[in-house]
Amino acid sequence: MYRIILILCLCPTVGFAEALTKYDGCSGGMSPAWRLFTGHNPPWESCCDAHDQPYAIGGSAADRLLADQTLEQCVAARGYPAMATVMYWGVRVGGVPWLPTPWRWCFEKPFFECWRYQP
């Protein structure tokens, strides 16, 4: 929980207050699929938006690990521990900076600027 607060508190200091509006919930079609089948947003969607903030700016491998662990803890705290584990491994595998996907680590920067990062 403290990690989530830390990420949210750091958001304005790194210039992302204006970027919050373009986060789209959970990547990979998870939010739209949940809405399609249930008629409402996933109960952990705010966790995904908070996770997008550090993913947008990138950083070290340790920063990415912290962001992914924070996502897992946030989703589990909402009562979905199994989904938290699935999402954790999904972002660990699918969010690497060297994949040219819109949800990769450092997604707001040009692809070749962030595809390698320091541990």
C-alpha atoms as a PDB file:
ATOM      1  CA  MET A   1       0.000   0.000   0.000  1.00  0.00           C
ATOM      2  CA  TYR A   2       2.824   2.429   0.815  1.00  0.00           C
ATOM      3  CA  ARG A   3       4.298   1.911  -2.640  1.00  0.00           C
ATOM      4  CA  ILE A   4       1.058   2.958  -4.303  1.00  0.00           C
ATOM      5  CA  ILE A   5       0.959   6.110  -2.230  1.00  0.00           C
ATOM      6  CA  LEU A   6       4.586   6.810  -3.113  1.00  0.00           C
ATOM      7  CA  ILE A   7       3.890   6.459  -6.836  1.00  0.00           C
ATOM      8  CA  LEU A   8       0.831   8.688  -6.642  1.00  0.00           C
ATOM      9  CA  CYS A   9       2.675  11.302  -4.581  1.00  0.00           C
ATOM     10  CA  LEU A  10       5.582  11.400  -7.021  1.00  0.00           C
ATOM     11  CA  CYS A  11       3.321  11.810 -10.031  1.00  0.00           C
ATOM     12  CA  PRO A  12       3.115  15.637 -10.008  1.00  0.00           C
ATOM     13  CA  THR A  13       6.838  16.014  -9.334  1.00  0.00           C
ATOM     14  CA  VAL A  14       7.758  14.152 -12.492  1.00  0.00           C
ATOM     15  CA  GLY A  15       5.338  16.107 -14.682  1.00  0.00           C
ATOM     16  CA  PHE A  16       2.638  13.521 -15.171  1.00  0.00           C
ATOM     17  CA  ALA A  17      -0.368  15.274 -13.668  1.00  0.00           C
ATOM     18  CA  GLU A  18      -1.473  16.243 -17.182  1.00  0.00           C
ATOM     19  CA  ALA A  19      -0.809  12.755 -18.556  1.00  0.00           C
ATOM     20  CA  LEU A  20      -3.185  10.991 -16.173  1.00  0.00           C
ATOM     21  CA  THR A  21      -6.093  11.549 -18.532  1.00  0.00           C
ATOM     22  CA  LYS A  22      -4.606   9.360 -21.254  1.00  0.00           C
ATOM     23  CA  TYR A  23      -4.218   6.226 -19.169  1.00  0.00           C
ATOM     24  CA  ASP A  24      -6.791   3.747 -20.315  1.00  0.00           C
ATOM     25  CA  GLY A  25      -7.117   1.290 -17.476  1.00  0.00           C
ATOM     26  CA  CYS A  26      -5.728  -2.184 -17.904  1.00  0.00           C
ATOM     27  CA  SER A  27      -3.803  -2.980 -21.081  1.00  0.00           C
ATOM     28  CA  GLY A  28      -4.132  -5.927 -23.367  1.00  0.00           C
ATOM     29  CA  GLY A  29      -7.880  -5.455 -23.728  1.00  0.00           C
ATOM     30  CA  MET A  30      -8.535  -6.394 -20.114  1.00  0.00           C
ATOM     31  CA  SER A  31     -10.604  -3.301 -19.235  1.00  0.00           C
ATOM     32  CA  PRO A  32     -12.769  -3.388 -22.392  1.00  0.00           C
ATOM     33  CA  ALA A  33     -13.342  -7.139 -22.029  1.00  0.00           C
ATOM     34  CA  TRP A  34     -14.352  -6.756 -18.372  1.00  0.00           C
ATOM     35  CA  ARG A  35     -16.778  -3.961 -19.305  1.00  0.00           C
ATOM     36  CA  LEU A  36     -18.207  -6.055 -22.133  1.00  0.00           C
ATOM     37  CA  PHE A  37     -18.978  -9.004 -19.864  1.00  0.00           C
ATOM     38  CA  THR A  38     -19.922  -7.208 -16.653  1.00  0.00           C
ATOM     39  CA  GLY A  39     -21.124  -3.784 -17.739  1.00  0.00           C
ATOM     40  CA  HIS A  40     -18.713  -1.904 -15.473  1.00  0.00           C
ATOM     41  CA  ASN A  41     -15.019  -1.186 -15.033  1.00  0.00           C
ATOM     42  CA  PRO A  42     -12.747  -3.785 -13.433  1.00  0.00           C
ATOM     43  CA  PRO A  43     -12.573  -3.266  -9.656  1.00  0.00           C
ATOM     44  CA  TRP A  44      -8.790  -2.931  -9.942  1.00  0.00           C
ATOM     45  CA  GLU A  45      -8.709  -0.456 -12.852  1.00  0.00           C
ATOM     46  CA  SER A  46      -7.280   2.331 -10.674  1.00  0.00           C
ATOM     47  CA  CYS A  47      -4.369  -0.024  -9.916  1.00  0.00           C
ATOM     48  CA  CYS A  48      -3.659  -0.240 -13.650  1.00  0.00           C
ATOM     49  CA  ASP A  49      -3.795   3.541 -14.054  1.00  0.00           C
ATOM     50  CA  ALA A  50      -1.346   3.976 -11.153  1.00  0.00           C
ATOM     51  CA  HIS A  51       0.870   1.302 -12.760  1.00  0.00           C
ATOM     52  CA  ASP A  52       0.836   3.187 -16.068  1.00  0.00           C
ATOM     53  CA  GLN A  53       2.433   6.259 -14.489  1.00  0.00           C
ATOM     54  CA  PRO A  54       5.896   4.777 -13.865  1.00  0.00           C
ATOM     55  CA  TYR A  55       5.594   2.704 -17.056  1.00  0.00           C
ATOM     56  CA  ALA A  56       5.142   5.890 -19.067  1.00  0.00           C
ATOM     57  CA  ILE A  57       8.396   7.475 -17.914  1.00  0.00           C
ATOM     58  CA  GLY A  58      10.521   4.348 -17.559  1.00  0.00           C
ATOM     59  CA  GLY A  59      13.577   4.053 -15.367  1.00  0.00           C
ATOM     60  CA  SER A  60      15.748   1.266 -14.042  1.00  0.00           C
ATOM     61  CA  ALA A  61      14.971  -2.430 -13.856  1.00  0.00           C
ATOM     62  CA  ALA A  62      14.444  -1.953 -10.108  1.00  0.00           C
ATOM     63  CA  ASP A  63      11.891   0.808 -10.824  1.00  0.00           C
ATOM     64  CA  ARG A  64       9.986  -1.499 -13.146  1.00  0.00           C
ATOM     65  CA  LEU A  65      10.026  -4.338 -10.630  1.00  0.00           C
ATOM     66  CA  LEU A  66       8.685  -1.993  -7.944  1.00  0.00           C
ATOM     67  CA  ALA A  67       5.888  -0.807 -10.264  1.00  0.00           C
ATOM     68  CA  ASP A  68       4.914  -4.412 -11.082  1.00  0.00           C
ATOM     69  CA  GLN A  69       4.986  -5.501  -7.445  1.00  0.00           C
ATOM     70  CA  THR A  70       2.865  -2.479  -6.527  1.00  0.00           C
ATOM     71  CA  LEU A  71       0.311  -3.461  -9.179  1.00  0.00           C
ATOM     72  CA  GLU A  72       0.178  -6.997  -7.807  1.00  0.00           C
ATOM     73  CA  GLN A  73      -0.315  -5.766  -4.236  1.00  0.00           C
ATOM     74  CA  CYS A  74      -2.991  -3.282  -5.280  1.00  0.00           C
ATOM     75  CA  VAL A  75      -5.066  -5.859  -7.182  1.00  0.00           C
ATOM     76  CA  ALA A  76      -4.705  -8.397  -4.345  1.00  0.00           C
ATOM     77  CA  ALA A  77      -5.795  -5.750  -1.824  1.00  0.00           C
ATOM     78  CA  ARG A  78      -9.025  -5.355  -3.782  1.00  0.00           C
ATOM     79  CA  GLY A  79      -9.794  -9.020  -3.152  1.00  0.00           C
ATOM     80  CA  TYR A  80      -8.420 -10.641  -6.320  1.00  0.00           C
ATOM     81  CA  PRO A  81      -5.176 -12.402  -5.354  1.00  0.00           C
ATOM     82  CA  ALA A  82      -5.272 -14.898  -8.239  1.00  0.00           C
ATOM     83  CA  MET A  83      -5.845 -12.120 -10.777  1.00  0.00           C
ATOM     84  CA  ALA A  84      -3.040 -10.150  -9.096  1.00  0.00           C
ATOM     85  CA  THR A  85      -0.592 -12.983  -9.760  1.00  0.00           C
ATOM     86  CA  VAL A  86      -1.717 -13.359 -13.375  1.00  0.00           C
ATOM     87  CA  MET A  87      -1.405  -9.615 -13.945  1.00  0.00           C
ATOM     88  CA  TYR A  88       2.015  -9.496 -12.281  1.00  0.00           C
ATOM     89  CA  TRP A  89       3.426 -12.157 -14.596  1.00  0.00           C
ATOM     90  CA  GLY A  90       1.643 -10.592 -17.564  1.00  0.00           C
ATOM     91  CA  VAL A  91       3.382  -7.260 -17.048  1.00  0.00           C
ATOM     92  CA  ARG A  92       6.722  -8.882 -16.221  1.00  0.00           C
ATOM     93  CA  VAL A  93       6.672 -10.766 -19.539  1.00  0.00           C
ATOM     94  CA  GLY A  94       4.679  -8.374 -21.745  1.00  0.00           C
ATOM     95  CA  GLY A  95       5.927  -5.030 -20.448  1.00  0.00           C
ATOM     96  CA  VAL A  96       9.607  -5.340 -21.310  1.00  0.00           C
ATOM     97  CA  PRO A  97      11.089  -2.185 -22.854  1.00  0.00           C
ATOM     98  CA  TRP A  98      12.352  -3.881 -26.010  1.00  0.00           C
ATOM     99  CA  LEU A  99       8.931  -4.958 -27.296  1.00  0.00           C
ATOM    100  CA  PRO A 100       7.347  -2.381 -29.637  1.00  0.00           C
ATOM    101  CA  THR A 101       3.997  -2.425 -27.842  1.00  0.00           C
ATOM    102  CA  PRO A 102       1.967   0.544 -26.597  1.00  0.00           C
ATOM    103  CA  TRP A 103       2.122  -0.788 -23.026  1.00  0.00           C
ATOM    104  CA  ARG A 104       5.876  -1.426 -22.822  1.00  0.00           C
ATOM    105  CA  TRP A 105       8.115   0.041 -20.118  1.00  0.00           C
ATOM    106  CA  CYS A 106       8.847   3.693 -21.040  1.00  0.00           C
ATOM    107  CA  PHE A 107       5.910   3.879 -23.472  1.00  0.00           C
ATOM    108  CA  GLU A 108       5.735   7.676 -23.671  1.00  0.00           C
ATOM    109  CA  LYS A 109       9.269   7.941 -25.036  1.00  0.00           C
ATOM    110  CA  PRO A 110      10.574   6.939 -28.465  1.00  0.00           C
ATOM    111  CA  PHE A 111      11.132   3.195 -28.755  1.00  0.00           C
ATOM    112  CA  PHE A 112      14.901   3.248 -29.152  1.00  0.00           C
ATOM    113  CA  GLU A 113      15.343   5.675 -26.275  1.00  0.00           C
ATOM    114  CA  CYS A 114      14.297   3.123 -23.667  1.00  0.00           C
ATOM    115  CA  TRP A 115      14.679  -0.355 -25.082  1.00  0.00           C
ATOM    116  CA  ARG A 116      17.761  -0.887 -22.928  1.00  0.00           C
ATOM    117  CA  TYR A 117      17.746   0.136 -19.328  1.00  0.00           C
ATOM    118  CA  GLN A 118      20.190  -0.120 -16.482  1.00  0.00           C
ATOM    119  CA  PRO A 119      19.549  -2.664 -13.720  1.00  0.00           C
END
